[in-house]
């Protein structure tokens, strides 16, 4: 019953404090350009909230772009959110470059170390990452399971959980 009540919420426009919160989290996670793009489109934004009032999802044009995790205080990206923010995040941030042929053949829900070509230096375990091929095309969004330093020395094992593939 409690879970049903928590999920029965409607979307509404975010207030100025919520816009500042969204901006701050995006700035921390993905950089200034990504945060400013969402800020520029703030009139299109709608938010859904948990029963406690905490932001649950951020929608743009009635399509979810960000999911808020209240435990970590960070966002995970929807497919539309990844497409919107990917070009705005600098190429030296939050990217795991992979060998496309190995990725397409062997990757389902987990990205394995043999598929990794290189990683950006800023990745930490638990970060939201863009999984891209060596030419820089977005293939998927995921959650890093290890830091950049650890990924570089890994010969085998799990590198990231693949959340949403872009094909």
Protein backbone atom coordinates (compact mmCIF):
# COMPACT_ATOMS: atom_id res chain seq x y z
CA UNK A 1 0.00 0.00 0.00
CA UNK A 2 2.77 2.45 0.94
CA UNK A 3 4.60 1.81 -2.35
CA UNK A 4 1.41 2.44 -4.30
CA UNK A 5 0.93 5.79 -2.57
CA UNK A 6 4.55 6.76 -3.26
CA UNK A 7 4.14 6.02 -6.95
CA UNK A 8 0.84 7.82 -7.36
CA UNK A 9 2.17 11.27 -8.11
CA UNK A 10 1.71 13.75 -10.88
CA UNK A 11 4.27 15.88 -12.59
CA UNK A 12 4.50 19.60 -12.06
CA UNK A 13 6.84 22.42 -12.92
CA UNK A 14 9.91 22.56 -10.69
CA UNK A 15 10.24 25.52 -8.35
CA UNK A 16 13.37 27.69 -8.35
CA UNK A 17 14.99 25.64 -5.56
CA UNK A 18 14.45 22.40 -7.50
CA UNK A 19 15.87 23.95 -10.67
CA UNK A 20 18.94 24.97 -8.67
CA UNK A 21 19.20 21.43 -7.28
CA UNK A 22 18.94 19.89 -10.77
CA UNK A 23 21.54 22.34 -12.08
CA UNK A 24 23.93 21.62 -9.22
CA UNK A 25 23.73 17.85 -9.57
CA UNK A 26 24.19 17.99 -13.36
CA UNK A 27 27.10 20.42 -12.98
CA UNK A 28 28.80 18.02 -10.56
CA UNK A 29 28.14 14.92 -12.66
CA UNK A 30 28.50 16.11 -16.25
CA UNK A 31 29.92 19.64 -16.27
CA UNK A 32 28.76 23.19 -16.86
CA UNK A 33 27.58 22.88 -20.47
CA UNK A 34 25.24 19.98 -19.71
CA UNK A 35 23.81 21.75 -16.66
CA UNK A 36 23.33 25.01 -18.58
CA UNK A 37 21.51 23.24 -21.43
CA UNK A 38 18.95 21.84 -19.01
CA UNK A 39 18.71 25.25 -17.32
CA UNK A 40 18.03 26.90 -20.71
CA UNK A 41 15.16 24.47 -21.20
CA UNK A 42 13.79 24.89 -17.68
CA UNK A 43 10.39 26.02 -18.98
CA UNK A 44 9.97 22.61 -20.64
CA UNK A 45 10.85 20.72 -17.45
CA UNK A 46 8.40 18.82 -15.28
CA UNK A 47 9.27 16.83 -12.19
CA UNK A 48 7.64 13.94 -10.39
CA UNK A 49 8.26 13.56 -6.69
CA UNK A 50 8.27 10.84 -4.09
CA UNK A 51 5.63 11.19 -1.38
CA UNK A 52 8.31 12.87 0.76
CA UNK A 53 8.61 15.66 -1.82
CA UNK A 54 12.06 14.64 -3.11
CA UNK A 55 12.51 14.78 -6.89
CA UNK A 56 12.00 11.37 -8.48
CA UNK A 57 12.16 12.04 -12.23
CA UNK A 58 12.82 15.03 -14.46
CA UNK A 59 10.79 15.15 -17.66
CA UNK A 60 11.27 17.31 -20.74
CA UNK A 61 8.30 17.53 -23.10
CA UNK A 62 6.63 14.76 -21.05
CA UNK A 63 9.50 12.33 -21.70
CA UNK A 64 11.72 11.33 -18.75
CA UNK A 65 15.33 12.48 -19.17
CA UNK A 66 16.72 12.04 -15.64
CA UNK A 67 16.01 9.67 -12.77
CA UNK A 68 17.07 10.87 -9.32
CA UNK A 69 18.53 8.36 -6.87
CA UNK A 70 17.78 9.67 -3.37
CA UNK A 71 20.40 7.38 -1.79
CA UNK A 72 23.31 8.82 -3.79
CA UNK A 73 21.76 12.19 -4.63
CA UNK A 74 22.79 11.75 -8.27
CA UNK A 75 20.98 11.28 -11.58
CA UNK A 76 20.86 8.34 -13.94
CA UNK A 77 20.13 9.10 -17.56
CA UNK A 78 17.23 7.91 -19.64
CA UNK A 79 17.83 7.19 -23.31
CA UNK A 80 16.52 10.64 -24.25
CA UNK A 81 18.59 12.28 -21.50
CA UNK A 82 21.74 10.57 -22.73
CA UNK A 83 21.11 11.75 -26.29
CA UNK A 84 20.53 15.31 -25.02
CA UNK A 85 23.55 15.51 -22.72
CA UNK A 86 26.13 13.37 -24.56
CA UNK A 87 27.26 16.06 -27.05
CA UNK A 88 27.55 18.61 -24.22
CA UNK A 89 29.84 16.58 -21.98
CA UNK A 90 33.53 17.11 -22.88
CA UNK A 91 35.20 14.15 -24.59
CA UNK A 92 37.59 13.73 -21.68
CA UNK A 93 34.78 13.11 -19.15
CA UNK A 94 32.67 10.10 -18.23
CA UNK A 95 33.48 7.94 -21.25
CA UNK A 96 34.47 4.33 -21.69
CA UNK A 97 35.75 3.72 -25.21
CA UNK A 98 35.17 0.18 -26.40
CA UNK A 99 35.92 -2.09 -29.34
CA UNK A 100 32.59 -2.08 -31.17
CA UNK A 101 32.80 -5.59 -32.62
CA UNK A 102 33.45 -7.17 -29.21
CA UNK A 103 30.76 -5.00 -27.59
CA UNK A 104 28.09 -6.00 -30.10
CA UNK A 105 29.00 -9.68 -30.00
CA UNK A 106 29.44 -10.27 -26.26
CA UNK A 107 27.86 -7.45 -24.27
CA UNK A 108 24.34 -7.83 -22.94
CA UNK A 109 23.91 -6.19 -19.53
CA UNK A 110 27.55 -6.14 -18.41
CA UNK A 111 30.53 -4.57 -20.15
CA UNK A 112 33.59 -6.80 -19.78
CA UNK A 113 37.23 -5.69 -19.64
CA UNK A 114 38.36 -7.22 -22.98
CA UNK A 115 35.96 -4.90 -24.82
CA UNK A 116 37.52 -1.73 -23.34
CA UNK A 117 39.93 0.23 -25.55
CA UNK A 118 40.49 3.16 -23.16
CA UNK A 119 38.76 5.20 -20.45
CA UNK A 120 38.73 8.82 -19.35
CA UNK A 121 40.61 9.65 -16.15
CA UNK A 122 37.64 10.99 -14.15
CA UNK A 123 35.65 7.76 -13.82
CA UNK A 124 35.02 6.42 -10.32
CA UNK A 125 33.13 3.32 -9.26
CA UNK A 126 29.40 4.07 -9.31
CA UNK A 127 29.60 6.91 -11.85
CA UNK A 128 27.14 7.24 -14.69
CA UNK A 129 29.19 6.71 -17.88
CA UNK A 130 28.76 6.97 -21.62
CA UNK A 131 29.85 3.82 -23.44
CA UNK A 132 31.18 4.88 -26.84
CA UNK A 133 33.03 3.24 -29.71
CA UNK A 134 36.56 4.30 -30.67
CA UNK A 135 35.21 6.90 -33.11
CA UNK A 136 33.19 8.53 -30.31
CA UNK A 137 29.66 7.37 -31.25
CA UNK A 138 27.34 6.76 -28.30
CA UNK A 139 26.44 3.08 -27.94
CA UNK A 140 25.04 2.85 -24.41
CA UNK A 141 24.80 4.39 -20.97
CA UNK A 142 25.91 2.52 -17.89
CA UNK A 143 27.22 2.53 -14.35
CA UNK A 144 30.95 2.07 -13.80
CA UNK A 145 31.84 -0.78 -11.47
CA UNK A 146 35.48 0.29 -11.06
CA UNK A 147 37.58 3.44 -11.23
CA UNK A 148 39.53 4.49 -14.33
CA UNK A 149 42.80 3.36 -12.74
CA UNK A 150 41.35 -0.08 -12.00
CA UNK A 151 39.77 -0.44 -15.45
CA UNK A 152 43.08 0.33 -17.19
CA UNK A 153 44.86 -2.59 -15.51
CA UNK A 154 41.98 -5.08 -15.77
CA UNK A 155 42.49 -7.96 -18.16
CA UNK A 156 39.18 -9.62 -17.37
CA UNK A 157 36.09 -9.01 -15.30
CA UNK A 158 33.14 -6.64 -15.16
CA UNK A 159 33.79 -2.98 -15.95
CA UNK A 160 30.29 -1.48 -16.13
CA UNK A 161 26.61 -2.34 -15.98
CA UNK A 162 24.96 -1.47 -19.29
CA UNK A 163 21.63 0.26 -18.61
CA UNK A 164 20.38 1.58 -21.91
CA UNK A 165 21.73 0.71 -25.34
CA UNK A 166 21.46 3.17 -28.22
CA UNK A 167 21.15 1.44 -31.56
